[in-house]
Amino acid sequence: MGAIEKKILTKDYLTKSNLPASDYVVNPYVGCPHACKYCYARFMKRFTGHTEAWGDFIDIKYSNKPINLKKLKGKSLFLSSVTDCYNPYESKYGITRNILEQLVDADCRITISTKSDLVVRDIDILKRLPQLKVALSLNTLDEQFRSDMDKGSTVLQRLKAIEQLHEAGIYTVLFMSPIFPYITEWQKIMETTKNIVDEYSEIYIHKDNAYWADLAKTLHEYCEKAQLNYVNFFYHDELVRQKVNKNG
């Protein structure tokens, strides 16, 4: 695996969440050896003091305090927001599995997001969490492109994990993220295109939302016709504002 390992003590695994779809988050690790080139969580280095490159360090979080299940009653919980709770070091330390064991009796909605097929190791526990969703993150069917972007499980491993989770009766989600404009073809999952630098400039530098608006409309029409349940998180800032206004 090769990352610099350090064990740290945390006061509480639960952290209040600013995400629009969760009240609390749990991040069992600091850093992530999946080292996704597009990872937004790289900003964490500003707060943790790590000088290593993102993906080259991993802090293993231990806590002497049991998770407060009363605090979670009727709430939503997300694993994980700034790491992958099933990164390769989970097979060595089992922090995520320990946390899930504590959550078996929690009266809360739990969502797990990962790029790793290691999640199937815990099917025995996952089946005991009645309000659970497990999302496998995938933005391409092209294995070469995938390997250029991240060090998570292969495309085939992720698809197999989704199948195994579904067969075990666990609510499974294909989390198509990030969508690379003009590269990720949502109907085929991935279709590489060329000469898109100008389009990226318009989207990410000049903040032109036309691509996302058109894609949101097309996705909505497709999912309605196919009778698929879906959630659109393209407009994250707007969803956060709605959550703040709702909570007053």
Protein backbone atom coordinates (compact mmCIF):
# COMPACT_ATOMS: atom_id res chain seq x y z
CA MET A 1 0.00 0.00 0.00
CA GLY A 2 2.88 2.33 0.79
CA ALA A 3 1.27 5.29 2.57
CA ILE A 4 2.74 6.78 5.75
CA GLU A 5 0.63 5.41 8.61
CA LYS A 6 -0.14 7.14 11.90
CA LYS A 7 -2.61 6.23 14.63
CA ILE A 8 -4.49 9.15 16.17
CA LEU A 9 -7.05 9.49 18.95
CA THR A 10 -10.29 11.31 18.17
CA LYS A 11 -12.78 12.52 20.77
CA ASP A 12 -15.84 11.50 18.77
CA TYR A 13 -16.41 9.74 15.46
CA LEU A 14 -19.58 11.76 14.86
CA THR A 15 -19.25 15.16 13.19
CA LYS A 16 -22.09 17.54 12.38
CA SER A 17 -22.54 17.72 8.63
CA ASN A 18 -22.98 20.64 6.25
CA LEU A 19 -23.87 18.25 3.44
CA PRO A 20 -27.43 18.70 2.14
CA ALA A 21 -28.40 15.03 2.55
CA SER A 22 -26.92 14.14 5.94
CA ASP A 23 -27.04 15.38 9.51
CA TYR A 24 -23.82 13.69 10.63
CA VAL A 25 -20.73 12.26 8.97
CA VAL A 26 -18.15 9.73 10.11
CA ASN A 27 -14.64 9.74 8.67
CA PRO A 28 -12.73 6.77 10.12
CA TYR A 29 -9.48 7.89 8.49
CA VAL A 30 -7.64 11.10 7.62
CA GLY A 31 -6.36 10.99 4.06
CA CYS A 32 -7.17 8.48 1.35
CA PRO A 33 -4.75 6.24 -0.57
CA HIS A 34 -7.18 6.05 -3.48
CA ALA A 35 -5.58 9.40 -4.41
CA CYS A 36 -8.28 10.41 -6.89
CA LYS A 37 -6.92 13.15 -9.12
CA TYR A 38 -10.22 15.03 -8.90
CA CYS A 39 -10.68 14.59 -5.12
CA TYR A 40 -12.19 17.66 -3.43
CA ALA A 41 -10.99 16.39 -0.02
CA ARG A 42 -7.40 17.42 -0.77
CA PHE A 43 -8.25 20.67 1.03
CA MET A 44 -8.01 18.69 4.29
CA LYS A 45 -4.24 19.06 4.23
CA ARG A 46 -4.69 22.73 5.19
CA PHE A 47 -6.04 21.59 8.55
CA THR A 48 -4.12 18.39 9.29
CA GLY A 49 -0.54 19.62 8.83
CA HIS A 50 0.46 16.85 6.47
CA THR A 51 3.26 17.71 4.06
CA GLU A 52 2.99 14.49 2.09
CA ALA A 53 1.13 14.38 -1.20
CA TRP A 54 -2.57 13.50 -1.04
CA GLY A 55 -2.74 9.72 -1.13
CA ASP A 56 0.67 9.23 0.48
CA PHE A 57 -0.49 9.41 4.11
CA ILE A 58 -3.21 7.80 6.19
CA ASP A 59 -4.18 8.57 9.79
CA ILE A 60 -6.07 5.78 11.53
CA LYS A 61 -8.62 7.25 13.92
CA TYR A 62 -9.33 5.56 17.23
CA SER A 63 -11.88 6.67 19.80
CA ASN A 64 -12.43 5.58 23.40
CA LYS A 65 -15.92 7.09 23.32
CA PRO A 66 -18.80 4.90 22.11
CA ILE A 67 -20.96 6.41 19.38
CA ASN A 68 -23.92 8.25 20.91
CA LEU A 69 -26.88 6.45 19.33
CA LYS A 70 -29.38 8.79 21.03
CA LYS A 71 -27.87 11.70 19.12
CA LEU A 72 -28.55 9.84 15.86
CA LYS A 73 -32.20 9.02 16.52
CA GLY A 74 -34.24 10.04 13.48
CA LYS A 75 -31.17 11.56 11.80
CA SER A 76 -29.10 10.72 8.73
CA LEU A 77 -25.47 9.62 8.76
CA PHE A 78 -22.93 9.52 5.92
CA LEU A 79 -19.72 7.46 5.67
CA SER A 80 -17.54 9.16 4.52
CA SER A 81 -17.16 12.76 3.37
CA VAL A 82 -13.38 13.33 3.20
CA THR A 83 -11.99 9.80 2.96
CA ASP A 84 -13.05 6.40 1.67
CA CYS A 85 -14.12 4.33 4.66
CA TYR A 86 -13.15 1.21 2.69
CA ASN A 87 -9.71 2.32 1.57
CA PRO A 88 -7.09 -0.50 1.51
CA TYR A 89 -6.03 0.15 5.13
CA GLU A 90 -9.49 -0.80 6.34
CA SER A 91 -8.60 -4.44 5.65
CA LYS A 92 -5.73 -4.04 8.12
CA TYR A 93 -7.33 -1.93 10.87
CA GLY A 94 -11.08 -2.61 10.63
CA ILE A 95 -12.09 0.83 11.94
CA THR A 96 -15.13 1.05 9.66
CA ARG A 97 -16.30 -2.42 10.62
CA ASN A 98 -16.06 -1.52 14.30
CA ILE A 99 -18.10 1.63 13.71
CA LEU A 100 -20.79 -0.29 11.80
CA GLU A 101 -21.03 -2.80 14.64
CA GLN A 102 -21.82 0.10 16.97
CA LEU A 103 -24.49 1.38 14.57
CA VAL A 104 -26.48 -1.85 14.33
CA ASP A 105 -29.00 -0.62 16.93
CA ALA A 106 -29.04 3.01 15.73
CA ASP A 107 -32.38 4.45 14.65
CA CYS A 108 -30.99 6.49 11.78
CA ARG A 109 -30.61 6.51 8.01
CA ILE A 110 -27.11 5.46 6.97
CA THR A 111 -25.42 5.98 3.62
CA ILE A 112 -22.03 4.52 2.74
CA SER A 113 -20.12 5.72 -0.32
CA THR A 114 -17.02 3.94 -1.55
CA LYS A 115 -14.84 3.11 -4.54
CA SER A 116 -13.82 -0.23 -3.04
CA ASP A 117 -15.20 -3.74 -3.33
CA LEU A 118 -13.90 -4.32 0.21
CA VAL A 119 -17.37 -3.25 1.31
CA VAL A 120 -18.67 -6.76 0.52
CA ARG A 121 -16.55 -8.07 3.41
CA ASP A 122 -19.08 -6.51 5.78
CA ILE A 123 -22.26 -7.81 4.17
CA ASP A 124 -23.01 -9.71 7.38
CA ILE A 125 -23.21 -6.41 9.30
CA LEU A 126 -24.72 -4.35 6.49
CA LYS A 127 -27.70 -6.72 6.34
CA ARG A 128 -28.44 -5.82 9.98
CA LEU A 129 -28.77 -2.09 9.22
CA PRO A 130 -32.40 -1.65 8.07
CA GLN A 131 -32.10 1.99 6.96
CA LEU A 132 -28.96 1.57 4.86
CA LYS A 133 -27.90 2.61 1.37
CA VAL A 134 -24.53 1.60 -0.09
CA ALA A 135 -23.26 3.62 -3.04
CA LEU A 136 -20.44 2.45 -5.32
CA SER A 137 -18.80 5.42 -7.02
CA LEU A 138 -18.16 4.95 -10.74
CA ASN A 139 -17.72 7.48 -13.53
CA THR A 140 -16.38 5.33 -16.36
CA LEU A 141 -16.43 1.87 -17.86
CA ASP A 142 -13.01 2.40 -19.37
CA GLU A 143 -10.53 0.68 -17.06
CA GLN A 144 -7.52 2.57 -18.43
CA PHE A 145 -9.20 5.92 -17.78
CA ARG A 146 -10.30 4.72 -14.34
CA SER A 147 -6.75 3.70 -13.42
CA ASP A 148 -5.47 7.09 -14.57
CA MET A 149 -7.95 8.85 -12.27
CA ASP A 150 -7.90 6.80 -9.05
CA LYS A 151 -6.40 3.84 -7.20
CA GLY A 152 -9.71 2.35 -6.08
CA SER A 153 -11.10 -0.99 -7.16
CA THR A 154 -11.34 -1.76 -10.85
CA VAL A 155 -14.49 -1.10 -12.84
CA LEU A 156 -15.34 -4.81 -12.91
CA GLN A 157 -14.72 -5.17 -9.18
CA ARG A 158 -17.10 -2.30 -8.42
CA LEU A 159 -19.80 -3.68 -10.70
CA LYS A 160 -19.42 -7.10 -9.09
CA ALA A 161 -19.67 -5.52 -5.62
CA ILE A 162 -22.92 -3.81 -6.60
CA GLU A 163 -24.26 -7.16 -7.77
CA GLN A 164 -23.22 -8.92 -4.54
CA LEU A 165 -24.73 -6.22 -2.34
CA HIS A 166 -27.97 -6.29 -4.31
CA GLU A 167 -28.17 -10.08 -4.11
CA ALA A 168 -27.72 -9.79 -0.33
CA GLY A 169 -30.82 -7.61 -0.16
CA ILE A 170 -28.96 -4.38 0.52
CA TYR A 171 -30.20 -1.13 -1.04
CA THR A 172 -27.50 -0.32 -3.59
CA VAL A 173 -26.75 2.84 -5.55
CA LEU A 174 -24.55 3.51 -8.56
CA PHE A 175 -23.02 6.89 -7.70
CA MET A 176 -21.95 8.37 -11.01
CA SER A 177 -19.47 10.98 -9.85
CA PRO A 178 -17.78 13.05 -10.91
CA ILE A 179 -19.33 13.49 -14.32
CA PHE A 180 -16.60 14.73 -16.62
CA PRO A 181 -18.25 17.10 -19.11
CA TYR A 182 -17.95 15.77 -22.64
CA ILE A 183 -16.05 12.73 -21.37
CA THR A 184 -18.51 10.86 -19.17
CA GLU A 185 -21.46 9.70 -21.27
CA TRP A 186 -24.16 9.00 -18.70
CA GLN A 187 -26.04 6.51 -20.87
CA LYS A 188 -22.93 4.45 -21.54
CA ILE A 189 -21.24 5.60 -18.29
CA MET A 190 -18.20 6.68 -20.25
CA GLU A 191 -17.38 7.79 -23.80
CA THR A 192 -14.08 9.57 -24.22
CA THR A 193 -14.08 12.71 -26.39
CA LYS A 194 -11.26 14.96 -27.53
CA ASN A 195 -10.54 18.66 -27.85
CA ILE A 196 -12.67 19.72 -24.88
CA VAL A 197 -10.35 22.21 -23.19
CA ASP A 198 -12.47 25.19 -24.26
CA GLU A 199 -15.63 23.56 -22.92
CA TYR A 200 -13.95 22.85 -19.57
CA SER A 201 -12.82 26.46 -19.40
CA GLU A 202 -16.38 27.69 -19.89
CA ILE A 203 -17.72 25.34 -17.21
CA TYR A 204 -15.07 25.57 -14.50
CA ILE A 205 -13.51 29.00 -15.03
CA HIS A 206 -16.38 31.04 -16.44
CA LYS A 207 -19.00 29.12 -14.40
CA ASP A 208 -21.27 28.39 -17.36
CA ASN A 209 -23.94 26.04 -15.98
CA ALA A 210 -25.59 25.30 -19.32
CA TYR A 211 -24.06 21.82 -19.54
CA TRP A 212 -25.34 20.85 -16.08
CA ALA A 213 -28.78 22.32 -16.74
CA ASP A 214 -29.15 20.40 -19.99
CA LEU A 215 -27.84 17.20 -18.41
CA ALA A 216 -30.16 17.57 -15.40
CA LYS A 217 -33.16 17.92 -17.72
CA THR A 218 -32.14 14.92 -19.81
CA LEU A 219 -31.44 12.78 -16.74
CA HIS A 220 -34.80 13.70 -15.26
CA GLU A 221 -36.65 12.75 -18.44
CA TYR A 222 -34.72 9.49 -18.76
CA CYS A 223 -35.25 8.45 -15.14
CA GLU A 224 -38.94 9.36 -15.24
CA LYS A 225 -39.44 7.23 -18.35
CA ALA A 226 -37.43 4.32 -16.92
CA GLN A 227 -39.14 4.69 -13.50
CA LEU A 228 -35.80 5.03 -11.72
CA ASN A 229 -35.35 6.76 -8.38
CA TYR A 230 -32.54 9.29 -8.47
CA VAL A 231 -31.18 12.34 -6.65
CA ASN A 232 -29.46 15.20 -8.49
CA PHE A 233 -26.60 16.81 -6.54
CA PHE A 234 -25.36 19.03 -9.39
CA TYR A 235 -26.52 22.11 -7.50
CA HIS A 236 -24.77 21.41 -4.19
CA ASP A 237 -24.64 25.04 -3.02
CA GLU A 238 -28.36 25.50 -3.65
CA LEU A 239 -29.17 22.28 -1.77
CA VAL A 240 -27.10 23.46 1.20
CA ARG A 241 -28.96 26.78 1.24
CA GLN A 242 -32.29 24.93 1.16
CA LYS A 243 -31.19 22.76 4.08
CA VAL A 244 -30.11 25.81 6.14
CA ASN A 245 -33.39 27.60 5.43
CA LYS A 246 -35.39 24.48 6.31
CA ASN A 247 -33.62 24.04 9.63
CA GLY A 248 -34.03 27.74 10.38
